[in-house]
Amino acid sequence: MTIKTPQAVTEAFFHRIATAEDVHEIAELVSENVDWLVAGNTHVVPWIGRKYGRKGAAEFYAQIRTQISSENFEIKDILIKDNRVVAIGELASRVKKTGKLIETEFVLDMCIENGLITRFRMFEDSHAVSEACL
């Protein structure tokens, strides 16, 4: 396996999020032992919470694709130090069930080791996300 730099993995990850038809293509960049968490009310928002391995990462992207439609996803800055990547951005997504729009800034905090994402945290306005789902 070719070891990819954190920057190369990050670029591939965001490219696949935007273009991959099969969510498993996104999950290929994730470690089977990934520490994956998107905090929030898991009783109201079905796609958040803790996910496990590549299967969990694929499940996350499959769920958001069926539950919301992206209206804007913009990375404003990417900061990299050693194996740590922090991406700062803004998103707007419409919840299909309610028709409500989620607009929030976000931060993705990832660690990348041996060409795979080993830690994934998404920080966003979880209250706004929950409200849009009600």
Protein backbone atom coordinates (compact mmCIF):
# COMPACT_ATOMS: atom_id res chain seq x y z
CA MET A 1 0.00 0.00 0.00
CA THR A 2 1.32 3.42 -0.93
CA ILE A 3 1.44 5.71 2.07
CA LYS A 4 -0.28 8.97 1.22
CA THR A 5 0.36 12.28 2.93
CA PRO A 6 -2.37 13.74 5.15
CA GLN A 7 -2.87 16.47 2.55
CA ALA A 8 -3.32 13.97 -0.31
CA VAL A 9 -5.77 11.85 1.73
CA THR A 10 -7.72 14.96 2.72
CA GLU A 11 -7.97 16.15 -0.88
CA ALA A 12 -9.08 12.69 -2.02
CA PHE A 13 -11.62 12.51 0.83
CA PHE A 14 -13.31 15.80 -0.04
CA HIS A 15 -13.24 14.93 -3.74
CA ARG A 16 -14.92 11.59 -3.10
CA ILE A 17 -17.54 13.15 -0.80
CA ALA A 18 -18.50 15.44 -3.68
CA THR A 19 -18.26 13.02 -6.61
CA ALA A 20 -18.39 9.35 -5.57
CA GLU A 21 -21.60 7.60 -6.49
CA ASP A 22 -20.75 4.67 -4.21
CA VAL A 23 -20.23 5.66 -0.56
CA HIS A 24 -17.81 2.75 -0.18
CA GLU A 25 -15.33 4.77 -2.29
CA ILE A 26 -15.34 7.35 0.51
CA ALA A 27 -14.99 4.65 3.16
CA GLU A 28 -11.88 3.23 1.46
CA LEU A 29 -10.00 6.21 2.93
CA VAL A 30 -11.06 5.31 6.48
CA SER A 31 -9.34 2.91 8.88
CA GLU A 32 -11.25 -0.13 10.12
CA ASN A 33 -10.37 1.14 13.62
CA VAL A 34 -11.51 4.73 13.00
CA ASP A 35 -12.64 6.78 15.98
CA TRP A 36 -15.66 8.45 14.28
CA LEU A 37 -18.09 10.76 16.06
CA VAL A 38 -20.53 13.46 15.05
CA ALA A 39 -22.10 14.77 18.26
CA GLY A 40 -25.76 15.63 18.59
CA ASN A 41 -29.18 14.23 19.40
CA THR A 42 -29.17 10.74 17.90
CA HIS A 43 -32.87 10.30 18.72
CA VAL A 44 -33.77 13.12 16.32
CA VAL A 45 -30.93 13.08 13.79
CA PRO A 46 -30.47 9.56 12.37
CA TRP A 47 -27.11 10.05 10.64
CA ILE A 48 -25.06 11.35 13.58
CA GLY A 49 -23.46 9.58 16.51
CA ARG A 50 -20.61 7.11 16.74
CA LYS A 51 -19.78 4.99 13.72
CA TYR A 52 -17.48 1.98 13.50
CA GLY A 53 -14.99 1.12 10.77
CA ARG A 54 -15.37 1.53 7.04
CA LYS A 55 -18.88 0.14 7.23
CA GLY A 56 -19.86 2.89 9.67
CA ALA A 57 -18.32 5.61 7.53
CA ALA A 58 -20.17 4.32 4.47
CA GLU A 59 -23.37 4.16 6.54
CA PHE A 60 -22.91 7.81 7.58
CA TYR A 61 -22.62 9.02 3.99
CA ALA A 62 -25.44 6.75 2.81
CA GLN A 63 -27.70 8.12 5.55
CA ILE A 64 -26.98 11.77 4.83
CA ARG A 65 -27.52 11.21 1.12
CA THR A 66 -30.98 9.76 1.77
CA GLN A 67 -31.93 12.17 4.57
CA ILE A 68 -30.64 15.55 3.33
CA SER A 69 -29.79 17.31 0.12
CA SER A 70 -26.69 19.47 0.06
CA GLU A 71 -27.22 23.03 -1.12
CA ASN A 72 -23.75 24.28 -0.23
CA PHE A 73 -20.58 22.69 1.14
CA GLU A 74 -17.57 24.95 1.17
CA ILE A 75 -14.18 24.37 2.71
CA LYS A 76 -12.76 27.73 3.81
CA ASP A 77 -9.41 26.54 5.15
CA ILE A 78 -7.45 23.35 5.80
CA LEU A 79 -4.81 23.30 8.51
CA ILE A 80 -2.34 20.42 8.66
CA LYS A 81 0.23 19.66 11.34
CA ASP A 82 1.93 16.27 11.19
CA ASN A 83 -0.94 13.74 10.91
CA ARG A 84 -3.64 16.15 12.18
CA VAL A 85 -5.98 17.84 9.72
CA VAL A 86 -8.52 20.51 10.62
CA ALA A 87 -10.91 21.66 7.90
CA ILE A 88 -13.06 24.72 8.47
CA GLY A 89 -16.10 25.40 6.35
CA GLU A 90 -19.73 26.24 5.87
CA LEU A 91 -22.63 24.10 4.76
CA ALA A 92 -26.28 24.37 3.89
CA SER A 93 -28.35 21.21 3.70
CA ARG A 94 -32.09 20.70 3.34
CA VAL A 95 -33.71 17.96 5.43
CA LYS A 96 -35.86 16.00 2.98
CA LYS A 97 -38.42 14.94 5.61
CA THR A 98 -39.15 18.46 6.89
CA GLY A 99 -38.02 20.72 4.05
CA LYS A 100 -36.09 22.80 6.61
CA LEU A 101 -32.67 24.23 5.81
CA ILE A 102 -29.63 23.62 8.01
CA GLU A 103 -27.07 26.41 7.68
CA THR A 104 -23.98 26.11 9.86
CA GLU A 105 -20.28 26.59 10.02
CA PHE A 106 -18.39 23.37 10.72
CA VAL A 107 -14.99 22.03 11.66
CA LEU A 108 -13.75 18.58 10.73
CA ASP A 109 -10.97 17.30 12.96
CA MET A 110 -9.20 14.28 11.49
CA CYS A 111 -6.07 12.25 12.08
CA ILE A 112 -4.52 10.43 9.16
CA GLU A 113 -2.04 7.61 9.61
CA ASN A 114 -0.56 5.39 6.89
CA GLY A 115 -2.87 6.92 4.31
CA LEU A 116 -6.11 6.30 6.24
CA ILE A 117 -8.37 8.47 8.39
CA THR A 118 -8.07 7.12 11.94
CA ARG A 119 -10.01 9.85 13.77
CA PHE A 120 -13.01 11.84 12.52
CA ARG A 121 -14.93 14.49 14.43
CA MET A 122 -17.43 16.89 12.97
CA PHE A 123 -18.30 19.96 14.98
CA GLU A 124 -21.33 21.92 13.82
CA ASP A 125 -24.39 23.67 15.25
CA SER A 126 -25.98 20.44 16.46
CA HIS A 127 -28.98 22.35 17.88
CA ALA A 128 -29.76 23.79 14.44
CA VAL A 129 -29.38 20.33 12.89
CA SER A 130 -31.82 18.83 15.43
CA GLU A 131 -34.33 21.66 14.97
CA ALA A 132 -34.30 21.18 11.20
CA CYS A 133 -35.14 17.51 11.66
CA LEU A 134 -38.25 18.21 13.76
